[in-house]
Amino acid sequence: MSYYTRHIFFCNNIRQDAKTCCSQFGAQQMYRYAKDKCRDQGKLGKGKIGVSVSRCLGRCELGPVAVVYPDNIWYQYIDEEDIDEIITEHLINGKPVKRLQTNFA
């Protein structure tokens, strides 16, 4: 059994070369929002959900992005409503949110 049922990583890369990066789109705030929301709902921790910040996930030009493991589902999000939907539908109920998924093939 994995430590978490699902683990979401929010890219929070800050680029020094002035190229687009997730941090320019409020990624740190969305990470904090997701972590606090999961904690407030009692869904955070061992045997539950993991919410972590990450450095570059290699897709900043499409940011902001997050990835959920073990499902390997990538998301582009805009606001707290998108994060709420990812938390409720995917992280808790196990149903990926199609409208926010992005294909990085």
PDB file of N, CA and C in Angstrom:
ATOM      1  N   MET A   1       0.840  -1.187   0.000  1.00  0.00           N
ATOM      2  CA  MET A   1       0.000   0.000   0.000  1.00  0.00           C
ATOM      3  C   MET A   1       0.883   1.248   0.000  1.00  0.00           C
ATOM      4  N   SER A   2       0.518   2.217  -0.792  1.00  0.00           N
ATOM      5  CA  SER A   2       1.236   3.478  -0.846  1.00  0.00           C
ATOM      6  C   SER A   2       0.951   4.297   0.403  1.00  0.00           C
ATOM      7  N   TYR A   3       1.844   5.205   0.696  1.00  0.00           N
ATOM      8  CA  TYR A   3       1.655   6.094   1.843  1.00  0.00           C
ATOM      9  C   TYR A   3       0.404   6.944   1.654  1.00  0.00           C
ATOM     10  N   TYR A   4       0.216   7.473   0.427  1.00  0.00           N
ATOM     11  CA  TYR A   4      -0.977   8.264   0.094  1.00  0.00           C
ATOM     12  C   TYR A   4      -1.829   7.490  -0.908  1.00  0.00           C
ATOM     13  N   THR A   5      -3.137   7.721  -0.884  1.00  0.00           N
ATOM     14  CA  THR A   5      -3.988   7.141  -1.920  1.00  0.00           C
ATOM     15  C   THR A   5      -3.738   7.852  -3.246  1.00  0.00           C
ATOM     16  N   ARG A   6      -3.600   9.176  -3.186  1.00  0.00           N
ATOM     17  CA  ARG A   6      -3.237  10.000  -4.337  1.00  0.00           C
ATOM     18  C   ARG A   6      -2.380  11.148  -3.822  1.00  0.00           C
ATOM     19  N   HIS A   7      -1.472  11.587  -4.673  1.00  0.00           N
ATOM     20  CA  HIS A   7      -0.536  12.642  -4.290  1.00  0.00           C
ATOM     21  C   HIS A   7      -0.464  13.639  -5.431  1.00  0.00           C
ATOM     22  N   ILE A   8      -0.816  14.896  -5.145  1.00  0.00           N
ATOM     23  CA  ILE A   8      -0.768  15.944  -6.165  1.00  0.00           C
ATOM     24  C   ILE A   8       0.453  16.822  -5.922  1.00  0.00           C
ATOM     25  N   PHE A   9       1.162  17.093  -7.020  1.00  0.00           N
ATOM     26  CA  PHE A   9       2.339  17.949  -6.985  1.00  0.00           C
ATOM     27  C   PHE A   9       2.054  19.206  -7.801  1.00  0.00           C
ATOM     28  N   PHE A  10       2.238  20.358  -7.192  1.00  0.00           N
ATOM     29  CA  PHE A  10       2.046  21.642  -7.858  1.00  0.00           C
ATOM     30  C   PHE A  10       3.402  22.196  -8.262  1.00  0.00           C
ATOM     31  N   CYS A  11       3.607  22.407  -9.562  1.00  0.00           N
ATOM     32  CA  CYS A  11       4.830  23.040 -10.026  1.00  0.00           C
ATOM     33  C   CYS A  11       4.864  24.468  -9.488  1.00  0.00           C
ATOM     34  N   ASN A  12       5.962  24.812  -8.846  1.00  0.00           N
ATOM     35  CA  ASN A  12       6.158  26.165  -8.321  1.00  0.00           C
ATOM     36  C   ASN A  12       7.501  26.718  -8.762  1.00  0.00           C
ATOM     37  N   ASN A  13       7.892  26.355  -9.963  1.00  0.00           N
ATOM     38  CA  ASN A  13       9.177  26.803 -10.474  1.00  0.00           C
ATOM     39  C   ASN A  13       9.203  28.319 -10.648  1.00  0.00           C
ATOM     40  N   ILE A  14      10.350  28.902 -10.327  1.00  0.00           N
ATOM     41  CA  ILE A  14      10.600  30.319 -10.583  1.00  0.00           C
ATOM     42  C   ILE A  14      11.800  30.382 -11.519  1.00  0.00           C
ATOM     43  N   ARG A  15      11.550  30.873 -12.723  1.00  0.00           N
ATOM     44  CA  ARG A  15      12.627  30.930 -13.721  1.00  0.00           C
ATOM     45  C   ARG A  15      13.306  32.286 -13.660  1.00  0.00           C
ATOM     46  N   GLN A  16      14.592  32.255 -13.779  1.00  0.00           N
ATOM     47  CA  GLN A  16      15.394  33.472 -13.736  1.00  0.00           C
ATOM     48  C   GLN A  16      15.590  34.092 -15.117  1.00  0.00           C
ATOM     49  N   ASP A  17      15.218  33.356 -16.166  1.00  0.00           N
ATOM     50  CA  ASP A  17      15.481  33.819 -17.529  1.00  0.00           C
ATOM     51  C   ASP A  17      14.298  34.547 -18.168  1.00  0.00           C
ATOM     52  N   ALA A  18      13.310  34.918 -17.362  1.00  0.00           N
ATOM     53  CA  ALA A  18      12.123  35.651 -17.814  1.00  0.00           C
ATOM     54  C   ALA A  18      11.189  34.827 -18.693  1.00  0.00           C
ATOM     55  N   LYS A  19      11.450  33.528 -18.846  1.00  0.00           N
ATOM     56  CA  LYS A  19      10.516  32.671 -19.570  1.00  0.00           C
ATOM     57  C   LYS A  19       9.330  32.358 -18.676  1.00  0.00           C
ATOM     58  N   THR A  20       8.241  31.965 -19.301  1.00  0.00           N
ATOM     59  CA  THR A  20       7.016  31.642 -18.574  1.00  0.00           C
ATOM     60  C   THR A  20       7.263  30.524 -17.570  1.00  0.00           C
ATOM     61  N   CYS A  21       6.683  30.682 -16.381  1.00  0.00           N
ATOM     62  CA  CYS A  21       6.764  29.631 -15.372  1.00  0.00           C
ATOM     63  C   CYS A  21       5.486  29.626 -14.536  1.00  0.00           C
ATOM     64  N   CYS A  22       5.232  28.520 -13.895  1.00  0.00           N
ATOM     65  CA  CYS A  22       3.991  28.336 -13.138  1.00  0.00           C
ATOM     66  C   CYS A  22       3.815  29.364 -12.034  1.00  0.00           C
ATOM     67  N   SER A  23       4.905  29.780 -11.409  1.00  0.00           N
ATOM     68  CA  SER A  23       4.805  30.745 -10.314  1.00  0.00           C
ATOM     69  C   SER A  23       4.221  32.079 -10.763  1.00  0.00           C
ATOM     70  N   GLN A  24       4.366  32.404 -12.020  1.00  0.00           N
ATOM     71  CA  GLN A  24       3.792  33.643 -12.542  1.00  0.00           C
ATOM     72  C   GLN A  24       2.265  33.613 -12.573  1.00  0.00           C
ATOM     73  N   PHE A  25       1.688  32.424 -12.394  1.00  0.00           N
ATOM     74  CA  PHE A  25       0.239  32.265 -12.477  1.00  0.00           C
ATOM     75  C   PHE A  25      -0.397  31.900 -11.138  1.00  0.00           C
ATOM     76  N   GLY A  26       0.272  32.229 -10.049  1.00  0.00           N
ATOM     77  CA  GLY A  26      -0.306  31.989  -8.734  1.00  0.00           C
ATOM     78  C   GLY A  26      -0.215  30.557  -8.246  1.00  0.00           C
ATOM     79  N   ALA A  27       0.744  29.803  -8.746  1.00  0.00           N
ATOM     80  CA  ALA A  27       0.862  28.387  -8.383  1.00  0.00           C
ATOM     81  C   ALA A  27       1.089  28.190  -6.886  1.00  0.00           C
ATOM     82  N   GLN A  28       1.885  29.051  -6.259  1.00  0.00           N
ATOM     83  CA  GLN A  28       2.141  28.917  -4.823  1.00  0.00           C
ATOM     84  C   GLN A  28       0.848  29.081  -4.024  1.00  0.00           C
ATOM     85  N   GLN A  29       0.027  30.045  -4.409  1.00  0.00           N
ATOM     86  CA  GLN A  29      -1.240  30.276  -3.718  1.00  0.00           C
ATOM     87  C   GLN A  29      -2.198  29.097  -3.908  1.00  0.00           C
ATOM     88  N   MET A  30      -2.216  28.528  -5.103  1.00  0.00           N
ATOM     89  CA  MET A  30      -3.105  27.394  -5.357  1.00  0.00           C
ATOM     90  C   MET A  30      -2.637  26.148  -4.605  1.00  0.00           C
ATOM     91  N   TYR A  31      -1.330  25.954  -4.519  1.00  0.00           N
ATOM     92  CA  TYR A  31      -0.800  24.857  -3.707  1.00  0.00           C
ATOM     93  C   TYR A  31      -1.233  25.022  -2.250  1.00  0.00           C
ATOM     94  N   ARG A  32      -1.036  26.217  -1.707  1.00  0.00           N
ATOM     95  CA  ARG A  32      -1.390  26.483  -0.313  1.00  0.00           C
ATOM     96  C   ARG A  32      -2.894  26.290  -0.090  1.00  0.00           C
ATOM     97  N   TYR A  33      -3.686  26.769  -1.046  1.00  0.00           N
ATOM     98  CA  TYR A  33      -5.139  26.614  -0.968  1.00  0.00           C
ATOM     99  C   TYR A  33      -5.519  25.137  -0.921  1.00  0.00           C
ATOM    100  N   ALA A  34      -4.940  24.333  -1.824  1.00  0.00           N
ATOM    101  CA  ALA A  34      -5.255  22.894  -1.889  1.00  0.00           C
ATOM    102  C   ALA A  34      -4.846  22.190  -0.600  1.00  0.00           C
ATOM    103  N   LYS A  35      -3.667  22.486  -0.104  1.00  0.00           N
ATOM    104  CA  LYS A  35      -3.183  21.827   1.112  1.00  0.00           C
ATOM    105  C   LYS A  35      -4.074  22.177   2.300  1.00  0.00           C
ATOM    106  N   ASP A  36      -4.402  23.453   2.444  1.00  0.00           N
ATOM    107  CA  ASP A  36      -5.262  23.887   3.552  1.00  0.00           C
ATOM    108  C   ASP A  36      -6.651  23.273   3.448  1.00  0.00           C
ATOM    109  N   LYS A  37      -7.189  23.219   2.242  1.00  0.00           N
ATOM    110  CA  LYS A  37      -8.531  22.652   2.049  1.00  0.00           C
ATOM    111  C   LYS A  37      -8.551  21.167   2.413  1.00  0.00           C
ATOM    112  N   CYS A  38      -7.559  20.417   1.942  1.00  0.00           N
ATOM    113  CA  CYS A  38      -7.495  18.989   2.273  1.00  0.00           C
ATOM    114  C   CYS A  38      -7.316  18.788   3.781  1.00  0.00           C
ATOM    115  N   ARG A  39      -6.489  19.610   4.400  1.00  0.00           N
ATOM    116  CA  ARG A  39      -6.278  19.519   5.843  1.00  0.00           C
ATOM    117  C   ARG A  39      -7.589  19.821   6.585  1.00  0.00           C
ATOM    118  N   ASP A  40      -8.265  20.897   6.188  1.00  0.00           N
ATOM    119  CA  ASP A  40      -9.527  21.297   6.843  1.00  0.00           C
ATOM    120  C   ASP A  40     -10.599  20.220   6.722  1.00  0.00           C
ATOM    121  N   GLN A  41     -10.556  19.453   5.634  1.00  0.00           N
ATOM    122  CA  GLN A  41     -11.535  18.392   5.416  1.00  0.00           C
ATOM    123  C   GLN A  41     -11.111  17.064   6.045  1.00  0.00           C
ATOM    124  N   GLY A  42      -9.955  17.053   6.692  1.00  0.00           N
ATOM    125  CA  GLY A  42      -9.461  15.819   7.306  1.00  0.00           C
ATOM    126  C   GLY A  42      -9.010  14.790   6.288  1.00  0.00           C
ATOM    127  N   LYS A  43      -8.629  15.231   5.107  1.00  0.00           N
ATOM    128  CA  LYS A  43      -8.256  14.319   4.013  1.00  0.00           C
ATOM    129  C   LYS A  43      -6.757  14.255   3.769  1.00  0.00           C
ATOM    130  N   LEU A  44      -5.961  14.946   4.568  1.00  0.00           N
ATOM    131  CA  LEU A  44      -4.532  15.048   4.334  1.00  0.00           C
ATOM    132  C   LEU A  44      -3.760  14.105   5.236  1.00  0.00           C
ATOM    133  N   GLY A  45      -2.810  13.369   4.675  1.00  0.00           N
ATOM    134  CA  GLY A  45      -1.916  12.548   5.491  1.00  0.00           C
ATOM    135  C   GLY A  45      -1.894  11.088   5.091  1.00  0.00           C
ATOM    136  N   LYS A  46      -1.225  10.308   5.910  1.00  0.00           N
ATOM    137  CA  LYS A  46      -1.029   8.886   5.640  1.00  0.00           C
ATOM    138  C   LYS A  46      -2.359   8.182   5.370  1.00  0.00           C
ATOM    139  N   GLY A  47      -2.384   7.412   4.280  1.00  0.00           N
ATOM    140  CA  GLY A  47      -3.585   6.689   3.896  1.00  0.00           C
ATOM    141  C   GLY A  47      -4.651   7.567   3.274  1.00  0.00           C
ATOM    142  N   LYS A  48      -4.308   8.841   3.080  1.00  0.00           N
ATOM    143  CA  LYS A  48      -5.253   9.805   2.511  1.00  0.00           C
ATOM    144  C   LYS A  48      -4.579  10.497   1.331  1.00  0.00           C
ATOM    145  N   ILE A  49      -4.672  11.798   1.277  1.00  0.00           N
ATOM    146  CA  ILE A  49      -4.153  12.592   0.169  1.00  0.00           C
ATOM    147  C   ILE A  49      -2.850  13.277   0.566  1.00  0.00           C
ATOM    148  N   GLY A  50      -1.929  13.359  -0.391  1.00  0.00           N
ATOM    149  CA  GLY A  50      -0.722  14.152  -0.239  1.00  0.00           C
ATOM    150  C   GLY A  50      -0.806  15.359  -1.155  1.00  0.00           C
ATOM    151  N   VAL A  51      -0.397  16.515  -0.642  1.00  0.00           N
ATOM    152  CA  VAL A  51      -0.356  17.738  -1.442  1.00  0.00           C
ATOM    153  C   VAL A  51       1.038  18.323  -1.258  1.00  0.00           C
ATOM    154  N   SER A  52       1.792  18.405  -2.342  1.00  0.00           N
ATOM    155  CA  SER A  52       3.177  18.865  -2.256  1.00  0.00           C
ATOM    156  C   SER A  52       3.492  19.902  -3.322  1.00  0.00           C
ATOM    157  N   VAL A  53       4.465  20.727  -2.998  1.00  0.00           N
ATOM    158  CA  VAL A  53       5.010  21.681  -3.945  1.00  0.00           C
ATOM    159  C   VAL A  53       6.193  21.007  -4.633  1.00  0.00           C
ATOM    160  N   SER A  54       6.404  21.381  -5.873  1.00  0.00           N
ATOM    161  CA  SER A  54       7.510  20.817  -6.637  1.00  0.00           C
ATOM    162  C   SER A  54       8.260  21.958  -7.310  1.00  0.00           C
ATOM    163  N   ARG A  55       9.490  21.731  -7.592  1.00  0.00           N
ATOM    164  CA  ARG A  55      10.218  22.659  -8.458  1.00  0.00           C
ATOM    165  C   ARG A  55       9.740  22.356  -9.877  1.00  0.00           C
ATOM    166  N   CYS A  56      10.525  22.595 -10.841  1.00  0.00           N
ATOM    167  CA  CYS A  56      10.088  22.478 -12.223  1.00  0.00           C
ATOM    168  C   CYS A  56       9.640  21.055 -12.578  1.00  0.00           C
ATOM    169  N   LEU A  57       8.453  20.972 -13.143  1.00  0.00           N
ATOM    170  CA  LEU A  57       7.944  19.704 -13.654  1.00  0.00           C
ATOM    171  C   LEU A  57       8.134  19.613 -15.167  1.00  0.00           C
ATOM    172  N   GLY A  58       8.827  20.593 -15.733  1.00  0.00           N
ATOM    173  CA  GLY A  58       9.188  20.544 -17.150  1.00  0.00           C
ATOM    174  C   GLY A  58       8.108  20.989 -18.106  1.00  0.00           C
ATOM    175  N   ARG A  59       7.069  21.601 -17.596  1.00  0.00           N
ATOM    176  CA  ARG A  59       5.964  22.008 -18.474  1.00  0.00           C
ATOM    177  C   ARG A  59       5.472  23.414 -18.144  1.00  0.00           C
ATOM    178  N   CYS A  60       6.372  24.242 -17.680  1.00  0.00           N
ATOM    179  CA  CYS A  60       6.004  25.589 -17.238  1.00  0.00           C
ATOM    180  C   CYS A  60       5.374  26.440 -18.341  1.00  0.00           C
ATOM    181  N   GLU A  61       5.764  26.196 -19.596  1.00  0.00           N
ATOM    182  CA  GLU A  61       5.193  26.999 -20.679  1.00  0.00           C
ATOM    183  C   GLU A  61       3.690  26.781 -20.814  1.00  0.00           C
ATOM    184  N   LEU A  62       3.181  25.731 -20.202  1.00  0.00           N
ATOM    185  CA  LEU A  62       1.749  25.439 -20.226  1.00  0.00           C
ATOM    186  C   LEU A  62       1.095  25.708 -18.872  1.00  0.00           C
ATOM    187  N   GLY A  63       1.817  26.339 -17.990  1.00  0.00           N
ATOM    188  CA  GLY A  63       1.400  26.508 -16.597  1.00  0.00           C
ATOM    189  C   GLY A  63       0.195  27.383 -16.399  1.00  0.00           C
ATOM    190  N   PRO A  64      -0.316  27.286 -15.209  1.00  0.00           N
ATOM    191  CA  PRO A  64       0.194  26.474 -14.124  1.00  0.00           C
ATOM    192  C   PRO A  64      -0.261  25.019 -14.262  1.00  0.00           C
ATOM    193  N   VAL A  65       0.609  24.115 -13.835  1.00  0.00           N
ATOM    194  CA  VAL A  65       0.308  22.697 -13.941  1.00  0.00           C
ATOM    195  C   VAL A  65       0.491  21.992 -12.606  1.00  0.00           C
ATOM    196  N   ALA A  66      -0.216  20.868 -12.506  1.00  0.00           N
ATOM    197  CA  ALA A  66      -0.083  19.958 -11.365  1.00  0.00           C
ATOM    198  C   ALA A  66      -0.225  18.545 -11.914  1.00  0.00           C
ATOM    199  N   VAL A  67       0.354  17.587 -11.206  1.00  0.00           N
ATOM    200  CA  VAL A  67       0.256  16.195 -11.619  1.00  0.00           C
ATOM    201  C   VAL A  67      -0.176  15.356 -10.420  1.00  0.00           C
ATOM    202  N   VAL A  68      -1.047  14.384 -10.681  1.00  0.00           N
ATOM    203  CA  VAL A  68      -1.546  13.493  -9.626  1.00  0.00           C
ATOM    204  C   VAL A  68      -0.981  12.096  -9.849  1.00  0.00           C
ATOM    205  N   TYR A  69      -0.368  11.578  -8.808  1.00  0.00           N
ATOM    206  CA  TYR A  69       0.144  10.207  -8.811  1.00  0.00           C
ATOM    207  C   TYR A  69      -0.624   9.387  -7.792  1.00  0.00           C
ATOM    208  N   PRO A  70      -0.814   8.106  -8.015  1.00  0.00           N
ATOM    209  CA  PRO A  70      -0.146   7.271  -9.012  1.00  0.00           C
ATOM    210  C   PRO A  70      -0.819   7.284 -10.375  1.00  0.00           C
ATOM    211  N   ASP A  71      -1.818   8.114 -10.569  1.00  0.00           N
ATOM    212  CA  ASP A  71      -2.606   8.095 -11.807  1.00  0.00           C
ATOM    213  C   ASP A  71      -1.898   8.714 -13.007  1.00  0.00           C
ATOM    214  N   ASN A  72      -0.850   9.505 -12.760  1.00  0.00           N
ATOM    215  CA  ASN A  72      -0.132  10.190 -13.825  1.00  0.00           C
ATOM    216  C   ASN A  72      -1.071  11.031 -14.684  1.00  0.00           C
ATOM    217  N   ILE A  73      -1.919  11.789 -14.012  1.00  0.00           N
ATOM    218  CA  ILE A  73      -2.855  12.701 -14.674  1.00  0.00           C
ATOM    219  C   ILE A  73      -2.341  14.120 -14.476  1.00  0.00           C
ATOM    220  N   TRP A  74      -2.181  14.834 -15.588  1.00  0.00           N
ATOM    221  CA  TRP A  74      -1.696  16.211 -15.576  1.00  0.00           C
ATOM    222  C   TRP A  74      -2.864  17.180 -15.719  1.00  0.00           C
ATOM    223  N   TYR A  75      -2.795  18.250 -14.951  1.00  0.00           N
ATOM    224  CA  TYR A  75      -3.841  19.272 -14.987  1.00  0.00           C
ATOM    225  C   TYR A  75      -3.258  20.655 -15.245  1.00  0.00           C
ATOM    226  N   GLN A  76      -4.034  21.446 -15.972  1.00  0.00           N
ATOM    227  CA  GLN A  76      -3.847  22.890 -16.048  1.00  0.00           C
ATOM    228  C   GLN A  76      -5.044  23.474 -15.311  1.00  0.00           C
ATOM    229  N   TYR A  77      -4.796  24.429 -14.452  1.00  0.00           N
ATOM    230  CA  TYR A  77      -5.867  25.006 -13.653  1.00  0.00           C
ATOM    231  C   TYR A  77      -5.755  26.527 -13.691  1.00  0.00           C
ATOM    232  N   ILE A  78      -6.847  27.188 -13.286  1.00  0.00           N
ATOM    233  CA  ILE A  78      -6.855  28.649 -13.291  1.00  0.00           C
ATOM    234  C   ILE A  78      -7.112  29.217 -11.903  1.00  0.00           C
ATOM    235  N   ASP A  79      -8.072  28.643 -11.209  1.00  0.00           N
ATOM    236  CA  ASP A  79      -8.501  29.287  -9.967  1.00  0.00           C
ATOM    237  C   ASP A  79      -8.903  28.263  -8.901  1.00  0.00           C
ATOM    238  N   GLU A  80      -9.394  28.759  -7.781  1.00  0.00           N
ATOM    239  CA  GLU A  80      -9.785  27.902  -6.669  1.00  0.00           C
ATOM    240  C   GLU A  80     -10.917  26.952  -7.037  1.00  0.00           C
ATOM    241  N   GLU A  81     -11.801  27.367  -7.913  1.00  0.00           N
ATOM    242  CA  GLU A  81     -12.888  26.480  -8.351  1.00  0.00           C
ATOM    243  C   GLU A  81     -12.327  25.252  -9.060  1.00  0.00           C
ATOM    244  N   ASP A  82     -11.301  25.452  -9.881  1.00  0.00           N
ATOM    245  CA  ASP A  82     -10.654  24.313 -10.546  1.00  0.00           C
ATOM    246  C   ASP A  82     -10.006  23.393  -9.518  1.00  0.00           C
ATOM    247  N   ILE A  83      -9.330  23.967  -8.538  1.00  0.00           N
ATOM    248  CA  ILE A  83      -8.679  23.174  -7.496  1.00  0.00           C
ATOM    249  C   ILE A  83      -9.718  22.414  -6.686  1.00  0.00           C
ATOM    250  N   ASP A  84     -10.826  23.070  -6.348  1.00  0.00           N
ATOM    251  CA  ASP A  84     -11.913  22.391  -5.621  1.00  0.00           C
ATOM    252  C   ASP A  84     -12.397  21.166  -6.387  1.00  0.00           C
ATOM    253  N   GLU A  85     -12.553  21.325  -7.694  1.00  0.00           N
ATOM    254  CA  GLU A  85     -13.039  20.221  -8.527  1.00  0.00           C
ATOM    255  C   GLU A  85     -12.027  19.075  -8.580  1.00  0.00           C
ATOM    256  N   ILE A  86     -10.756  19.399  -8.703  1.00  0.00           N
ATOM    257  CA  ILE A  86      -9.716  18.365  -8.708  1.00  0.00           C
ATOM    258  C   ILE A  86      -9.698  17.625  -7.379  1.00  0.00           C
ATOM    259  N   ILE A  87      -9.798  18.355  -6.283  1.00  0.00           N
ATOM    260  CA  ILE A  87      -9.791  17.723  -4.959  1.00  0.00           C
ATOM    261  C   ILE A  87     -10.992  16.798  -4.794  1.00  0.00           C
ATOM    262  N   THR A  88     -12.175  17.324  -5.025  1.00  0.00           N
ATOM    263  CA  THR A  88     -13.398  16.550  -4.795  1.00  0.00           C
ATOM    264  C   THR A  88     -13.529  15.380  -5.752  1.00  0.00           C
ATOM    265  N   GLU A  89     -13.397  15.658  -7.037  1.00  0.00           N
ATOM    266  CA  GLU A  89     -13.652  14.612  -8.031  1.00  0.00           C
ATOM    267  C   GLU A  89     -12.507  13.609  -8.147  1.00  0.00           C
ATOM    268  N   HIS A  90     -11.285  14.087  -8.248  1.00  0.00           N
ATOM    269  CA  HIS A  90     -10.182  13.166  -8.497  1.00  0.00           C
ATOM    270  C   HIS A  90      -9.525  12.660  -7.213  1.00  0.00           C
ATOM    271  N   LEU A  91      -9.045  13.574  -6.388  1.00  0.00           N
ATOM    272  CA  LEU A  91      -8.291  13.142  -5.209  1.00  0.00           C
ATOM    273  C   LEU A  91      -9.142  12.363  -4.218  1.00  0.00           C
ATOM    274  N   ILE A  92     -10.390  12.774  -4.041  1.00  0.00           N
ATOM    275  CA  ILE A  92     -11.263  12.099  -3.072  1.00  0.00           C
ATOM    276  C   ILE A  92     -12.077  10.986  -3.732  1.00  0.00           C
ATOM    277  N   ASN A  93     -12.733  11.285  -4.856  1.00  0.00           N
ATOM    278  CA  ASN A  93     -13.649  10.316  -5.471  1.00  0.00           C
ATOM    279  C   ASN A  93     -13.014   9.450  -6.560  1.00  0.00           C
ATOM    280  N   GLY A  94     -11.773   9.740  -6.938  1.00  0.00           N
ATOM    281  CA  GLY A  94     -11.082   8.905  -7.912  1.00  0.00           C
ATOM    282  C   GLY A  94     -11.507   9.077  -9.355  1.00  0.00           C
ATOM    283  N   LYS A  95     -12.193  10.177  -9.674  1.00  0.00           N
ATOM    284  CA  LYS A  95     -12.655  10.423 -11.039  1.00  0.00           C
ATOM    285  C   LYS A  95     -11.907  11.620 -11.619  1.00  0.00           C
ATOM    286  N   PRO A  96     -10.951  11.391 -12.520  1.00  0.00           N
ATOM    287  CA  PRO A  96     -10.211  12.510 -13.109  1.00  0.00           C
ATOM    288  C   PRO A  96     -11.140  13.546 -13.743  1.00  0.00           C
ATOM    289  N   VAL A  97     -10.736  14.795 -13.674  1.00  0.00           N
ATOM    290  CA  VAL A  97     -11.521  15.910 -14.203  1.00  0.00           C
ATOM    291  C   VAL A  97     -11.078  16.151 -15.647  1.00  0.00           C
ATOM    292  N   LYS A  98     -11.844  15.634 -16.574  1.00  0.00           N
ATOM    293  CA  LYS A  98     -11.485  15.668 -17.996  1.00  0.00           C
ATOM    294  C   LYS A  98     -11.243  17.086 -18.510  1.00  0.00           C
ATOM    295  N   ARG A  99     -12.082  18.030 -18.127  1.00  0.00           N
ATOM    296  CA  ARG A  99     -11.987  19.379 -18.682  1.00  0.00           C
ATOM    297  C   ARG A  99     -10.696  20.097 -18.294  1.00  0.00           C
ATOM    298  N   LEU A 100     -10.045  19.656 -17.233  1.00  0.00           N
ATOM    299  CA  LEU A 100      -8.803  20.294 -16.787  1.00  0.00           C
ATOM    300  C   LEU A 100      -7.554  19.508 -17.146  1.00  0.00           C
ATOM    301  N   GLN A 101      -7.755  18.313 -17.690  1.00  0.00           N
ATOM    302  CA  GLN A 101      -6.605  17.471 -18.045  1.00  0.00           C
ATOM    303  C   GLN A 101      -5.891  18.031 -19.264  1.00  0.00           C
ATOM    304  N   THR A 102      -4.607  17.805 -19.268  1.00  0.00           N
ATOM    305  CA  THR A 102      -3.815  18.192 -20.419  1.00  0.00           C
ATOM    306  C   THR A 102      -2.995  16.994 -20.855  1.00  0.00           C
ATOM    307  N   ASN A 103      -2.805  16.883 -22.134  1.00  0.00           N
ATOM    308  CA  ASN A 103      -2.058  15.753 -22.690  1.00  0.00           C
ATOM    309  C   ASN A 103      -0.652  16.244 -23.044  1.00  0.00           C
ATOM    310  N   PHE A 104       0.338  15.658 -22.416  1.00  0.00           N
ATOM    311  CA  PHE A 104       1.718  16.048 -22.657  1.00  0.00           C
ATOM    312  C   PHE A 104       2.464  14.996 -23.461  1.00  0.00           C
ATOM    313  N   ALA A 105       1.800  14.383 -24.408  1.00  0.00           N
ATOM    314  CA  ALA A 105       2.433  13.344 -25.224  1.00  0.00           C
ATOM    315  C   ALA A 105       3.531  13.906 -26.080  1.00  0.00           C
TER     316      ALA A 105
END
